[in-house]
Structure formats: structure tokens, C-alpha cells
Amino acid sequence: MKKIIIIFAFMIYLTNSVTSTPYQINTIDLTNITNLSVTRYDATPSGIFFNSSGTAMYILGGTNGKVYQYNLSIAWNINSSTEKTTNFTQVLYEATPSSIRFNSSGTAMYILGNTNDKIYQYNLTTPWQISSASTSQTNFSIGNFEGSARGLAFSLNGSFMFIIGTNKIYQYNLSIAWQ
């Protein structure tokens, strides 16, 4: 079963419909949508990410600069989420975070920020557990190229990083994967 996740300012919507062709959004059944409100933690969430097994969901708060982790008892199903289990405050470094990603092993978390035009990397001692994230971080400035970064992505093997900005997409070749 394939599920499509869409994030809006106040809710996360999930369609539970089974698509006849995986990854084909034109086959979504829009009459079968559920939602999970996250407004009690942040009024304007700006990012969403799931761990590789779909059993944890991470929400990036656009207002308060925190990352929230929700555990899912049924993989990829937001209706099975437990109450927010933990949060990680990274607001000390970035006032307006816009995107969140993890490396494939869950041992590094990346936050893209608009205020300082940087990507922040936080190492996790326990994979996929944001409570184990280091308070120190490594950062990479993108300000010389883009002053309004909006999205962050990595290739499957971590050898390429992509930033989307106002009207351009930037590709960075990483000589060491995920670094």
C-alpha cells in the first residue's frame, strides 16, 4: 500500500487509499483522507520526514524551531501515532527552519535554515532517536548561492545534496557521503 503525505500550515493529511500504480498521484482517492493536528506544538510546521521503516515521523516546527518525534504503531499511518514522544530544540542556531532530512542510517539529522542560510547537521548516538542528538552541530553556508532556501534533499547514497531556492535548484557533490 502506498500512502501520500501532504503538509499544510496546520494539519498533516494522509490518504489511506491504495493507488493502482505506486507513486501515481493522479490515482489518489480524495474522499479517504485523515489528519493529525500538530498545532498544539507548533502553529506553522515547515517540514516532515519519516524514518526508513515508517515507524517514526518527525515534524519540524517553523514557529518555535523544534523537531518533534512521533512514534507510529502501524508503519506510515499517522492515525497510529502516539503522543509526541520527544522534541529537539535547535532554535539557538536557526530562527526559521524550512526543511528536515536524515541520513539513510538515521545517525545524522539535517535542518535547512532560512535566517542564516545554512544547513545544520546534528549527529544522533542512537539511530532515529532525536533525544540522542548532539547539541553541537556542523554547518554549511549556502548564503553565497541562495538567500531563500526552501527545500533540502539527498540522493539515496548521500553522495549528492540538493537545495531548492527562490527559482533555482542547486546540486552539491559530496566527496564523503552525508558529510
Foldseek 3Di string as FASTA:
>chain_A
DDKDWDDDQWKIKIAPDDAPDPPDVVRTDPVRIDIDTPVVPARGWQEWDAAPQQQKIWIQHQQQGKIWIWGAPDHVDPVRTDPTDDIDHLCVVARGWHYWDAANQQQWIWTQHQPQQKIWIWGAPDHPDCVRTDNDTDIDHPVVPANAWHYWDAPNQQQWIWTDHDHDIDIDGHPDGPD
